[in-house]
Amino acid sequence: LMQELSLDYTLFFNELESHLNQKITSEQLQKISYGLIDDENLEKFNKF
């Protein structure tokens, strides 16, 4: 998931800590990704 979505290593864990028991929005995910976040990628992340 990290490599496919080009996620930032440090920011991922910071975001993970703040999103326990809740989904993440496309805008929030884009802030920690160096790729383009579409609906499919958002679904993959929330499934994780």
ModelCIF file with pLDDT and N, C-alpha, C, O atoms, coordinates in Angstrom:
data_MODEL
#
_entry.id   MODEL 
#
_entity.id                         1 
_entity.type                       polymer 
_entity.pdbx_number_of_molecules   1 
#
_entity_poly.entity_id                      1 
_entity_poly.type                           'polypeptide(L)' 
_entity_poly.nstd_linkage                   no 
_entity_poly.nstd_monomer                   no 
_entity_poly.pdbx_seq_one_letter_code       LMQELSLDYTLFFNELESHLNQKITSEQLQKISYGLIDDENLEKFNKF 
_entity_poly.pdbx_seq_one_letter_code_can   LMQELSLDYTLFFNELESHLNQKITSEQLQKISYGLIDDENLEKFNKF 
_entity_poly.pdbx_strand_id                 A 
#
loop_
_entity_poly_seq.entity_id 
_entity_poly_seq.num 
_entity_poly_seq.mon_id 
_entity_poly_seq.hetero 
1 1  LEU n 
1 2  MET n 
1 3  GLN n 
1 4  GLU n 
1 5  LEU n 
1 6  SER n 
1 7  LEU n 
1 8  ASP n 
1 9  TYR n 
1 10 THR n 
1 11 LEU n 
1 12 PHE n 
1 13 PHE n 
1 14 ASN n 
1 15 GLU n 
1 16 LEU n 
1 17 GLU n 
1 18 SER n 
1 19 HIS n 
1 20 LEU n 
1 21 ASN n 
1 22 GLN n 
1 23 LYS n 
1 24 ILE n 
1 25 THR n 
1 26 SER n 
1 27 GLU n 
1 28 GLN n 
1 29 LEU n 
1 30 GLN n 
1 31 LYS n 
1 32 ILE n 
1 33 SER n 
1 34 TYR n 
1 35 GLY n 
1 36 LEU n 
1 37 ILE n 
1 38 ASP n 
1 39 ASP n 
1 40 GLU n 
1 41 ASN n 
1 42 LEU n 
1 43 GLU n 
1 44 LYS n 
1 45 PHE n 
1 46 ASN n 
1 47 LYS n 
1 48 PHE n 
#
_struct_asym.id          A 
_struct_asym.entity_id   1 
#
loop_
_ma_qa_metric.id 
_ma_qa_metric.mode 
_ma_qa_metric.name 
_ma_qa_metric.software_group_id 
_ma_qa_metric.type 
1 global pLDDT . pLDDT 
2 local  pLDDT . pLDDT 
#
_ma_qa_metric_global.metric_id      1 
_ma_qa_metric_global.metric_value   93.94 
_ma_qa_metric_global.model_id       1 
_ma_qa_metric_global.ordinal_id     1 
#
loop_
_ma_qa_metric_local.label_asym_id 
_ma_qa_metric_local.label_comp_id 
_ma_qa_metric_local.label_seq_id 
_ma_qa_metric_local.metric_id 
_ma_qa_metric_local.metric_value 
_ma_qa_metric_local.model_id 
_ma_qa_metric_local.ordinal_id 
A LEU 1  2 98.00 1 1  
A MET 2  2 98.00 1 2  
A GLN 3  2 96.00 1 3  
A GLU 4  2 97.00 1 4  
A LEU 5  2 97.00 1 5  
A SER 6  2 98.00 1 6  
A LEU 7  2 98.00 1 7  
A ASP 8  2 98.00 1 8  
A TYR 9  2 98.00 1 9  
A THR 10 2 98.00 1 10 
A LEU 11 2 98.00 1 11 
A PHE 12 2 98.00 1 12 
A PHE 13 2 97.00 1 13 
A ASN 14 2 95.00 1 14 
A GLU 15 2 94.00 1 15 
A LEU 16 2 94.00 1 16 
A GLU 17 2 90.00 1 17 
A SER 18 2 84.00 1 18 
A HIS 19 2 74.00 1 19 
A LEU 20 2 72.00 1 20 
A ASN 21 2 72.00 1 21 
A GLN 22 2 80.00 1 22 
A LYS 23 2 88.00 1 23 
A ILE 24 2 92.00 1 24 
A THR 25 2 94.00 1 25 
A SER 26 2 96.00 1 26 
A GLU 27 2 95.00 1 27 
A GLN 28 2 95.00 1 28 
A LEU 29 2 96.00 1 29 
A GLN 30 2 97.00 1 30 
A LYS 31 2 97.00 1 31 
A ILE 32 2 97.00 1 32 
A SER 33 2 98.00 1 33 
A TYR 34 2 97.00 1 34 
A GLY 35 2 96.00 1 35 
A LEU 36 2 94.00 1 36 
A ILE 37 2 96.00 1 37 
A ASP 38 2 96.00 1 38 
A ASP 39 2 96.00 1 39 
A GLU 40 2 97.00 1 40 
A ASN 41 2 97.00 1 41 
A LEU 42 2 97.00 1 42 
A GLU 43 2 96.00 1 43 
A LYS 44 2 96.00 1 44 
A PHE 45 2 96.00 1 45 
A ASN 46 2 95.00 1 46 
A LYS 47 2 95.00 1 47 
A PHE 48 2 96.00 1 48 
#
loop_
_atom_site.group_PDB 
_atom_site.id 
_atom_site.type_symbol 
_atom_site.label_atom_id 
_atom_site.label_alt_id 
_atom_site.label_comp_id 
_atom_site.label_asym_id 
_atom_site.label_entity_id 
_atom_site.label_seq_id 
_atom_site.pdbx_PDB_ins_code 
_atom_site.Cartn_x 
_atom_site.Cartn_y 
_atom_site.Cartn_z 
_atom_site.occupancy 
_atom_site.B_iso_or_equiv 
_atom_site.pdbx_formal_charge 
_atom_site.auth_seq_id 
_atom_site.auth_comp_id 
_atom_site.auth_asym_id 
_atom_site.auth_atom_id 
_atom_site.pdbx_PDB_model_num 
ATOM 1   N N  . LEU A 1 1  ? 0.826   -1.202 0.000  1.00 98.00 ? 1  LEU A N  1 
ATOM 2   C CA . LEU A 1 1  ? 0.000   0.000  0.000  1.00 98.00 ? 1  LEU A CA 1 
ATOM 3   C C  . LEU A 1 1  ? 0.862   1.255  0.000  1.00 98.00 ? 1  LEU A C  1 
ATOM 4   O O  . LEU A 1 1  ? 0.599   2.193  -0.753 1.00 98.00 ? 1  LEU A O  1 
ATOM 5   N N  . MET A 1 2  ? 1.901   1.272  0.852  1.00 98.00 ? 2  MET A N  1 
ATOM 6   C CA . MET A 1 2  ? 2.786   2.432  0.949  1.00 98.00 ? 2  MET A CA 1 
ATOM 7   C C  . MET A 1 2  ? 3.418   2.764  -0.391 1.00 98.00 ? 2  MET A C  1 
ATOM 8   O O  . MET A 1 2  ? 3.450   3.922  -0.806 1.00 98.00 ? 2  MET A O  1 
ATOM 9   N N  . GLN A 1 3  ? 3.919   1.740  -1.063 1.00 96.00 ? 3  GLN A N  1 
ATOM 10  C CA . GLN A 1 3  ? 4.624   1.977  -2.321 1.00 96.00 ? 3  GLN A CA 1 
ATOM 11  C C  . GLN A 1 3  ? 3.633   2.279  -3.451 1.00 96.00 ? 3  GLN A C  1 
ATOM 12  O O  . GLN A 1 3  ? 3.910   3.127  -4.300 1.00 96.00 ? 3  GLN A O  1 
ATOM 13  N N  . GLU A 1 4  ? 2.502   1.607  -3.471 1.00 97.00 ? 4  GLU A N  1 
ATOM 14  C CA . GLU A 1 4  ? 1.524   1.822  -4.540 1.00 97.00 ? 4  GLU A CA 1 
ATOM 15  C C  . GLU A 1 4  ? 0.941   3.229  -4.489 1.00 97.00 ? 4  GLU A C  1 
ATOM 16  O O  . GLU A 1 4  ? 0.713   3.850  -5.527 1.00 97.00 ? 4  GLU A O  1 
ATOM 17  N N  . LEU A 1 5  ? 0.700   3.731  -3.279 1.00 97.00 ? 5  LEU A N  1 
ATOM 18  C CA . LEU A 1 5  ? 0.098   5.054  -3.126 1.00 97.00 ? 5  LEU A CA 1 
ATOM 19  C C  . LEU A 1 5  ? 1.138   6.159  -2.893 1.00 97.00 ? 5  LEU A C  1 
ATOM 20  O O  . LEU A 1 5  ? 0.776   7.317  -2.690 1.00 97.00 ? 5  LEU A O  1 
ATOM 21  N N  . SER A 1 6  ? 2.440   5.797  -2.922 1.00 98.00 ? 6  SER A N  1 
ATOM 22  C CA . SER A 1 6  ? 3.533   6.763  -2.707 1.00 98.00 ? 6  SER A CA 1 
ATOM 23  C C  . SER A 1 6  ? 3.304   7.569  -1.432 1.00 98.00 ? 6  SER A C  1 
ATOM 24  O O  . SER A 1 6  ? 3.301   8.800  -1.448 1.00 98.00 ? 6  SER A O  1 
ATOM 25  N N  . LEU A 1 7  ? 3.114   6.850  -0.334 1.00 98.00 ? 7  LEU A N  1 
ATOM 26  C CA . LEU A 1 7  ? 2.794   7.500  0.934  1.00 98.00 ? 7  LEU A CA 1 
ATOM 27  C C  . LEU A 1 7  ? 4.056   7.916  1.685  1.00 98.00 ? 7  LEU A C  1 
ATOM 28  O O  . LEU A 1 7  ? 5.079   7.233  1.640  1.00 98.00 ? 7  LEU A O  1 
ATOM 29  N N  . ASP A 1 8  ? 3.961   9.035  2.366  1.00 98.00 ? 8  ASP A N  1 
ATOM 30  C CA . ASP A 1 8  ? 5.062   9.551  3.162  1.00 98.00 ? 8  ASP A CA 1 
ATOM 31  C C  . ASP A 1 8  ? 5.222   8.700  4.414  1.00 98.00 ? 8  ASP A C  1 
ATOM 32  O O  . ASP A 1 8  ? 4.248   8.453  5.125  1.00 98.00 ? 8  ASP A O  1 
ATOM 33  N N  . TYR A 1 9  ? 6.454   8.247  4.692  1.00 98.00 ? 9  TYR A N  1 
ATOM 34  C CA . TYR A 1 9  ? 6.710   7.299  5.779  1.00 98.00 ? 9  TYR A CA 1 
ATOM 35  C C  . TYR A 1 9  ? 6.360   7.887  7.149  1.00 98.00 ? 9  TYR A C  1 
ATOM 36  O O  . TYR A 1 9  ? 5.633   7.263  7.922  1.00 98.00 ? 9  TYR A O  1 
ATOM 37  N N  . THR A 1 10 ? 6.865   9.064  7.446  1.00 98.00 ? 10 THR A N  1 
ATOM 38  C CA . THR A 1 10 ? 6.621   9.681  8.756  1.00 98.00 ? 10 THR A CA 1 
ATOM 39  C C  . THR A 1 10 ? 5.162   10.104 8.905  1.00 98.00 ? 10 THR A C  1 
ATOM 40  O O  . THR A 1 10 ? 4.528   9.837  9.926  1.00 98.00 ? 10 THR A O  1 
ATOM 41  N N  . LEU A 1 11 ? 4.641   10.763 7.879  1.00 98.00 ? 11 LEU A N  1 
ATOM 42  C CA . LEU A 1 11 ? 3.282   11.280 7.962  1.00 98.00 ? 11 LEU A CA 1 
ATOM 43  C C  . LEU A 1 11 ? 2.243   10.170 8.008  1.00 98.00 ? 11 LEU A C  1 
ATOM 44  O O  . LEU A 1 11 ? 1.177   10.343 8.600  1.00 98.00 ? 11 LEU A O  1 
ATOM 45  N N  . PHE A 1 12 ? 2.546   9.017  7.380  1.00 98.00 ? 12 PHE A N  1 
ATOM 46  C CA . PHE A 1 12 ? 1.597   7.908  7.427  1.00 98.00 ? 12 PHE A CA 1 
ATOM 47  C C  . PHE A 1 12 ? 1.298   7.509  8.866  1.00 98.00 ? 12 PHE A C  1 
ATOM 48  O O  . PHE A 1 12 ? 0.134   7.379  9.243  1.00 98.00 ? 12 PHE A O  1 
ATOM 49  N N  . PHE A 1 13 ? 2.338   7.314  9.671  1.00 97.00 ? 13 PHE A N  1 
ATOM 50  C CA . PHE A 1 13 ? 2.120   6.860  11.046 1.00 97.00 ? 13 PHE A CA 1 
ATOM 51  C C  . PHE A 1 13 ? 1.475   7.945  11.899 1.00 97.00 ? 13 PHE A C  1 
ATOM 52  O O  . PHE A 1 13 ? 0.694   7.643  12.802 1.00 97.00 ? 13 PHE A O  1 
ATOM 53  N N  . ASN A 1 14 ? 1.795   9.204  11.621 1.00 95.00 ? 14 ASN A N  1 
ATOM 54  C CA . ASN A 1 14 ? 1.130   10.286 12.342 1.00 95.00 ? 14 ASN A CA 1 
ATOM 55  C C  . ASN A 1 14 ? -0.359  10.318 12.001 1.00 95.00 ? 14 ASN A C  1 
ATOM 56  O O  . ASN A 1 14 ? -1.202  10.537 12.871 1.00 95.00 ? 14 ASN A O  1 
ATOM 57  N N  . GLU A 1 15 ? -0.668  10.098 10.720 1.00 94.00 ? 15 GLU A N  1 
ATOM 58  C CA . GLU A 1 15 ? -2.061  10.087 10.287 1.00 94.00 ? 15 GLU A CA 1 
ATOM 59  C C  . GLU A 1 15 ? -2.792  8.872  10.843 1.00 94.00 ? 15 GLU A C  1 
ATOM 60  O O  . GLU A 1 15 ? -3.960  8.956  11.223 1.00 94.00 ? 15 GLU A O  1 
ATOM 61  N N  . LEU A 1 16 ? -2.088  7.737  10.886 1.00 94.00 ? 16 LEU A N  1 
ATOM 62  C CA . LEU A 1 16 ? -2.688  6.509  11.405 1.00 94.00 ? 16 LEU A CA 1 
ATOM 63  C C  . LEU A 1 16 ? -3.125  6.695  12.858 1.00 94.00 ? 16 LEU A C  1 
ATOM 64  O O  . LEU A 1 16 ? -4.211  6.271  13.256 1.00 94.00 ? 16 LEU A O  1 
ATOM 65  N N  . GLU A 1 17 ? -2.271  7.325  13.627 1.00 90.00 ? 17 GLU A N  1 
ATOM 66  C CA . GLU A 1 17 ? -2.572  7.554  15.046 1.00 90.00 ? 17 GLU A CA 1 
ATOM 67  C C  . GLU A 1 17 ? -3.807  8.425  15.227 1.00 90.00 ? 17 GLU A C  1 
ATOM 68  O O  . GLU A 1 17 ? -4.564  8.236  16.180 1.00 90.00 ? 17 GLU A O  1 
ATOM 69  N N  . SER A 1 18 ? -4.020  9.382  14.317 1.00 84.00 ? 18 SER A N  1 
ATOM 70  C CA . SER A 1 18 ? -5.147  10.310 14.465 1.00 84.00 ? 18 SER A CA 1 
ATOM 71  C C  . SER A 1 18 ? -6.423  9.812  13.809 1.00 84.00 ? 18 SER A C  1 
ATOM 72  O O  . SER A 1 18 ? -7.466  10.458 13.904 1.00 84.00 ? 18 SER A O  1 
ATOM 73  N N  . HIS A 1 19 ? -6.343  8.651  13.137 1.00 74.00 ? 19 HIS A N  1 
ATOM 74  C CA . HIS A 1 19 ? -7.544  8.133  12.470 1.00 74.00 ? 19 HIS A CA 1 
ATOM 75  C C  . HIS A 1 19 ? -7.937  6.749  12.977 1.00 74.00 ? 19 HIS A C  1 
ATOM 76  O O  . HIS A 1 19 ? -8.444  5.926  12.215 1.00 74.00 ? 19 HIS A O  1 
ATOM 77  N N  . LEU A 1 20 ? -7.709  6.499  14.229 1.00 72.00 ? 20 LEU A N  1 
ATOM 78  C CA . LEU A 1 20 ? -8.171  5.243  14.805 1.00 72.00 ? 20 LEU A CA 1 
ATOM 79  C C  . LEU A 1 20 ? -9.704  5.243  14.836 1.00 72.00 ? 20 LEU A C  1 
ATOM 80  O O  . LEU A 1 20 ? -10.329 6.208  15.277 1.00 72.00 ? 20 LEU A O  1 
ATOM 81  N N  . ASN A 1 21 ? -10.284 4.158  14.368 1.00 72.00 ? 21 ASN A N  1 
ATOM 82  C CA . ASN A 1 21 ? -11.742 3.980  14.377 1.00 72.00 ? 21 ASN A CA 1 
ATOM 83  C C  . ASN A 1 21 ? -12.487 4.962  13.468 1.00 72.00 ? 21 ASN A C  1 
ATOM 84  O O  . ASN A 1 21 ? -13.674 5.210  13.680 1.00 72.00 ? 21 ASN A O  1 
ATOM 85  N N  . GLN A 1 22 ? -11.815 5.518  12.468 1.00 80.00 ? 22 GLN A N  1 
ATOM 86  C CA . GLN A 1 22 ? -12.510 6.384  11.527 1.00 80.00 ? 22 GLN A CA 1 
ATOM 87  C C  . GLN A 1 22 ? -11.841 6.337  10.165 1.00 80.00 ? 22 GLN A C  1 
ATOM 88  O O  . GLN A 1 22 ? -10.644 6.077  10.049 1.00 80.00 ? 22 GLN A O  1 
ATOM 89  N N  . LYS A 1 23 ? -12.635 6.592  9.142  1.00 88.00 ? 23 LYS A N  1 
ATOM 90  C CA . LYS A 1 23 ? -12.100 6.587  7.788  1.00 88.00 ? 23 LYS A CA 1 
ATOM 91  C C  . LYS A 1 23 ? -11.383 7.898  7.497  1.00 88.00 ? 23 LYS A C  1 
ATOM 92  O O  . LYS A 1 23 ? -11.531 8.884  8.219  1.00 88.00 ? 23 LYS A O  1 
ATOM 93  N N  . ILE A 1 24 ? -10.604 7.884  6.422  1.00 92.00 ? 24 ILE A N  1 
ATOM 94  C CA . ILE A 1 24 ? -9.863  9.063  6.010  1.00 92.00 ? 24 ILE A CA 1 
ATOM 95  C C  . ILE A 1 24 ? -10.492 9.614  4.737  1.00 92.00 ? 24 ILE A C  1 
ATOM 96  O O  . ILE A 1 24 ? -11.004 8.845  3.924  1.00 92.00 ? 24 ILE A O  1 
ATOM 97  N N  . THR A 1 25 ? -10.464 10.915 4.549  1.00 94.00 ? 25 THR A N  1 
ATOM 98  C CA . THR A 1 25 ? -11.030 11.523 3.344  1.00 94.00 ? 25 THR A CA 1 
ATOM 99  C C  . THR A 1 25 ? -9.968  11.606 2.255  1.00 94.00 ? 25 THR A C  1 
ATOM 100 O O  . THR A 1 25 ? -8.776  11.452 2.519  1.00 94.00 ? 25 THR A O  1 
ATOM 101 N N  . SER A 1 26 ? -10.414 11.847 1.049  1.00 96.00 ? 26 SER A N  1 
ATOM 102 C CA . SER A 1 26 ? -9.507  11.981 -0.083 1.00 96.00 ? 26 SER A CA 1 
ATOM 103 C C  . SER A 1 26 ? -8.525  13.132 0.137  1.00 96.00 ? 26 SER A C  1 
ATOM 104 O O  . SER A 1 26 ? -7.339  13.010 -0.170 1.00 96.00 ? 26 SER A O  1 
ATOM 105 N N  . GLU A 1 27 ? -9.022  14.243 0.667  1.00 95.00 ? 27 GLU A N  1 
ATOM 106 C CA . GLU A 1 27 ? -8.157  15.414 0.911  1.00 95.00 ? 27 GLU A CA 1 
ATOM 107 C C  . GLU A 1 27 ? -7.092  15.096 1.969  1.00 95.00 ? 27 GLU A C  1 
ATOM 108 O O  . GLU A 1 27 ? -5.937  15.499 1.833  1.00 95.00 ? 27 GLU A O  1 
ATOM 109 N N  . GLN A 1 28 ? -7.481  14.384 3.002  1.00 95.00 ? 28 GLN A N  1 
ATOM 110 C CA . GLN A 1 28 ? -6.529  14.027 4.058  1.00 95.00 ? 28 GLN A CA 1 
ATOM 111 C C  . GLN A 1 28 ? -5.468  13.065 3.523  1.00 95.00 ? 28 GLN A C  1 
ATOM 112 O O  . GLN A 1 28 ? -4.290  13.196 3.853  1.00 95.00 ? 28 GLN A O  1 
ATOM 113 N N  . LEU A 1 29 ? -5.876  12.113 2.712  1.00 96.00 ? 29 LEU A N  1 
ATOM 114 C CA . LEU A 1 29 ? -4.935  11.140 2.162  1.00 96.00 ? 29 LEU A CA 1 
ATOM 115 C C  . LEU A 1 29 ? -3.964  11.814 1.193  1.00 96.00 ? 29 LEU A C  1 
ATOM 116 O O  . LEU A 1 29 ? -2.785  11.464 1.142  1.00 96.00 ? 29 LEU A O  1 
ATOM 117 N N  . GLN A 1 30 ? -4.462  12.773 0.433  1.00 97.00 ? 30 GLN A N  1 
ATOM 118 C CA . GLN A 1 30 ? -3.592  13.464 -0.522 1.00 97.00 ? 30 GLN A CA 1 
ATOM 119 C C  . GLN A 1 30 ? -2.461  14.205 0.190  1.00 97.00 ? 30 GLN A C  1 
ATOM 120 O O  . GLN A 1 30 ? -1.375  14.373 -0.366 1.00 97.00 ? 30 GLN A O  1 
ATOM 121 N N  . LYS A 1 31 ? -2.719  14.646 1.419  1.00 97.00 ? 31 LYS A N  1 
ATOM 122 C CA . LYS A 1 31 ? -1.689  15.386 2.158  1.00 97.00 ? 31 LYS A CA 1 
ATOM 123 C C  . LYS A 1 31 ? -0.497  14.520 2.550  1.00 97.00 ? 31 LYS A C  1 
ATOM 124 O O  . LYS A 1 31 ? 0.562   15.047 2.892  1.00 97.00 ? 31 LYS A O  1 
ATOM 125 N N  . ILE A 1 32 ? -0.657  13.190 2.504  1.00 97.00 ? 32 ILE A N  1 
ATOM 126 C CA . ILE A 1 32 ? 0.470   12.324 2.868  1.00 97.00 ? 32 ILE A CA 1 
ATOM 127 C C  . ILE A 1 32 ? 0.927   11.464 1.685  1.00 97.00 ? 32 ILE A C  1 
ATOM 128 O O  . ILE A 1 32 ? 1.723   10.539 1.848  1.00 97.00 ? 32 ILE A O  1 
ATOM 129 N N  . SER A 1 33 ? 0.410   11.782 0.493  1.00 98.00 ? 33 SER A N  1 
ATOM 130 C CA . SER A 1 33 ? 0.766   10.995 -0.692 1.00 98.00 ? 33 SER A CA 1 
ATOM 131 C C  . SER A 1 33 ? 1.472   11.865 -1.726 1.00 98.00 ? 33 SER A C  1 
ATOM 132 O O  . SER A 1 33 ? 1.132   13.034 -1.907 1.00 98.00 ? 33 SER A O  1 
ATOM 133 N N  . TYR A 1 34 ? 2.462   11.277 -2.404 1.00 97.00 ? 34 TYR A N  1 
ATOM 134 C CA . TYR A 1 34 ? 3.163   11.966 -3.486 1.00 97.00 ? 34 TYR A CA 1 
ATOM 135 C C  . TYR A 1 34 ? 2.586   11.578 -4.853 1.00 97.00 ? 34 TYR A C  1 
ATOM 136 O O  . TYR A 1 34 ? 3.072   12.023 -5.892 1.00 97.00 ? 34 TYR A O  1 
ATOM 137 N N  . GLY A 1 35 ? 1.543   10.742 -4.834 1.00 96.00 ? 35 GLY A N  1 
ATOM 138 C CA . GLY A 1 35 ? 0.850   10.375 -6.060 1.00 96.00 ? 35 GLY A CA 1 
ATOM 139 C C  . GLY A 1 35 ? -0.505  11.050 -6.120 1.00 96.00 ? 35 GLY A C  1 
ATOM 140 O O  . GLY A 1 35 ? -0.829  11.893 -5.284 1.00 96.00 ? 35 GLY A O  1 
ATOM 141 N N  . LEU A 1 36 ? -1.292  10.675 -7.113 1.00 94.00 ? 36 LEU A N  1 
ATOM 142 C CA . LEU A 1 36 ? -2.637  11.216 -7.232 1.00 94.00 ? 36 LEU A CA 1 
ATOM 143 C C  . LEU A 1 36 ? -3.623  10.252 -6.583 1.00 94.00 ? 36 LEU A C  1 
ATOM 144 O O  . LEU A 1 36 ? -3.623  9.060  -6.891 1.00 94.00 ? 36 LEU A O  1 
ATOM 145 N N  . ILE A 1 37 ? -4.444  10.754 -5.704 1.00 96.00 ? 37 ILE A N  1 
ATOM 146 C CA . ILE A 1 37 ? -5.399  9.921  -4.985 1.00 96.00 ? 37 ILE A CA 1 
ATOM 147 C C  . ILE A 1 37 ? -6.760  9.977  -5.688 1.00 96.00 ? 37 ILE A C  1 
ATOM 148 O O  . ILE A 1 37 ? -7.388  11.032 -5.784 1.00 96.00 ? 37 ILE A O  1 
ATOM 149 N N  . ASP A 1 38 ? -7.190  8.821  -6.172 1.00 96.00 ? 38 ASP A N  1 
ATOM 150 C CA . ASP A 1 38 ? -8.518  8.728  -6.771 1.00 96.00 ? 38 ASP A CA 1 
ATOM 151 C C  . ASP A 1 38 ? -9.405  7.882  -5.850 1.00 96.00 ? 38 ASP A C  1 
ATOM 152 O O  . ASP A 1 38 ? -8.974  7.469  -4.773 1.00 96.00 ? 38 ASP A O  1 
ATOM 153 N N  . ASP A 1 39 ? -10.636 7.630  -6.278 1.00 96.00 ? 39 ASP A N  1 
ATOM 154 C CA . ASP A 1 39 ? -11.577 6.887  -5.442 1.00 96.00 ? 39 ASP A CA 1 
ATOM 155 C C  . ASP A 1 39 ? -11.078 5.468  -5.154 1.00 96.00 ? 39 ASP A C  1 
ATOM 156 O O  . ASP A 1 39 ? -11.276 4.943  -4.059 1.00 96.00 ? 39 ASP A O  1 
ATOM 157 N N  . GLU A 1 40 ? -10.435 4.861  -6.142 1.00 97.00 ? 40 GLU A N  1 
ATOM 158 C CA . GLU A 1 40 ? -9.937  3.496  -5.960 1.00 97.00 ? 40 GLU A CA 1 
ATOM 159 C C  . GLU A 1 40 ? -8.852  3.448  -4.897 1.00 97.00 ? 40 GLU A C  1 
ATOM 160 O O  . GLU A 1 40 ? -8.851  2.559  -4.045 1.00 97.00 ? 40 GLU A O  1 
ATOM 161 N N  . ASN A 1 41 ? -7.926  4.405  -4.944 1.00 97.00 ? 41 ASN A N  1 
ATOM 162 C CA . ASN A 1 41 ? -6.852  4.452  -3.946 1.00 97.00 ? 41 ASN A CA 1 
ATOM 163 C C  . ASN A 1 41 ? -7.394  4.755  -2.553 1.00 97.00 ? 41 ASN A C  1 
ATOM 164 O O  . ASN A 1 41 ? -6.924  4.207  -1.557 1.00 97.00 ? 41 ASN A O  1 
ATOM 165 N N  . LEU A 1 42 ? -8.393  5.639  -2.501 1.00 97.00 ? 42 LEU A N  1 
ATOM 166 C CA . LEU A 1 42 ? -9.003  5.963  -1.213 1.00 97.00 ? 42 LEU A CA 1 
ATOM 167 C C  . LEU A 1 42 ? -9.662  4.729  -0.608 1.00 97.00 ? 42 LEU A C  1 
ATOM 168 O O  . LEU A 1 42 ? -9.571  4.491  0.597  1.00 97.00 ? 42 LEU A O  1 
ATOM 169 N N  . GLU A 1 43 ? -10.324 3.949  -1.456 1.00 96.00 ? 43 GLU A N  1 
ATOM 170 C CA . GLU A 1 43 ? -10.970 2.730  -0.984 1.00 96.00 ? 43 GLU A CA 1 
ATOM 171 C C  . GLU A 1 43 ? -9.940  1.729  -0.464 1.00 96.00 ? 43 GLU A C  1 
ATOM 172 O O  . GLU A 1 43 ? -10.168 1.062  0.545  1.00 96.00 ? 43 GLU A O  1 
ATOM 173 N N  . LYS A 1 44 ? -8.802  1.629  -1.162 1.00 96.00 ? 44 LYS A N  1 
ATOM 174 C CA . LYS A 1 44 ? -7.734  0.725  -0.733 1.00 96.00 ? 44 LYS A CA 1 
ATOM 175 C C  . LYS A 1 44 ? -7.207  1.131  0.644  1.00 96.00 ? 44 LYS A C  1 
ATOM 176 O O  . LYS A 1 44 ? -6.964  0.284  1.503  1.00 96.00 ? 44 LYS A O  1 
ATOM 177 N N  . PHE A 1 45 ? -7.039  2.428  0.835  1.00 96.00 ? 45 PHE A N  1 
ATOM 178 C CA . PHE A 1 45 ? -6.498  2.893  2.105  1.00 96.00 ? 45 PHE A CA 1 
ATOM 179 C C  . PHE A 1 45 ? -7.489  2.637  3.247  1.00 96.00 ? 45 PHE A C  1 
ATOM 180 O O  . PHE A 1 45 ? -7.098  2.171  4.317  1.00 96.00 ? 45 PHE A O  1 
ATOM 181 N N  . ASN A 1 46 ? -8.740  2.936  3.023  1.00 95.00 ? 46 ASN A N  1 
ATOM 182 C CA . ASN A 1 46 ? -9.732  2.737  4.077  1.00 95.00 ? 46 ASN A CA 1 
ATOM 183 C C  . ASN A 1 46 ? -9.968  1.264  4.367  1.00 95.00 ? 46 ASN A C  1 
ATOM 184 O O  . ASN A 1 46 ? -10.311 0.891  5.489  1.00 95.00 ? 46 ASN A O  1 
ATOM 185 N N  . LYS A 1 47 ? -9.786  0.429  3.353  1.00 95.00 ? 47 LYS A N  1 
ATOM 186 C CA . LYS A 1 47 ? -9.858  -1.014 3.576  1.00 95.00 ? 47 LYS A CA 1 
ATOM 187 C C  . LYS A 1 47 ? -8.707  -1.450 4.475  1.00 95.00 ? 47 LYS A C  1 
ATOM 188 O O  . LYS A 1 47 ? -8.874  -2.292 5.358  1.00 95.00 ? 47 LYS A O  1 
ATOM 189 N N  . PHE A 1 48 ? -7.534  -0.862 4.236  1.00 96.00 ? 48 PHE A N  1 
ATOM 190 C CA . PHE A 1 48 ? -6.394  -1.161 5.110  1.00 96.00 ? 48 PHE A CA 1 
ATOM 191 C C  . PHE A 1 48 ? -6.681  -0.711 6.545  1.00 96.00 ? 48 PHE A C  1 
ATOM 192 O O  . PHE A 1 48 ? -5.838  -0.880 7.425  1.00 96.00 ? 48 PHE A O  1 
#
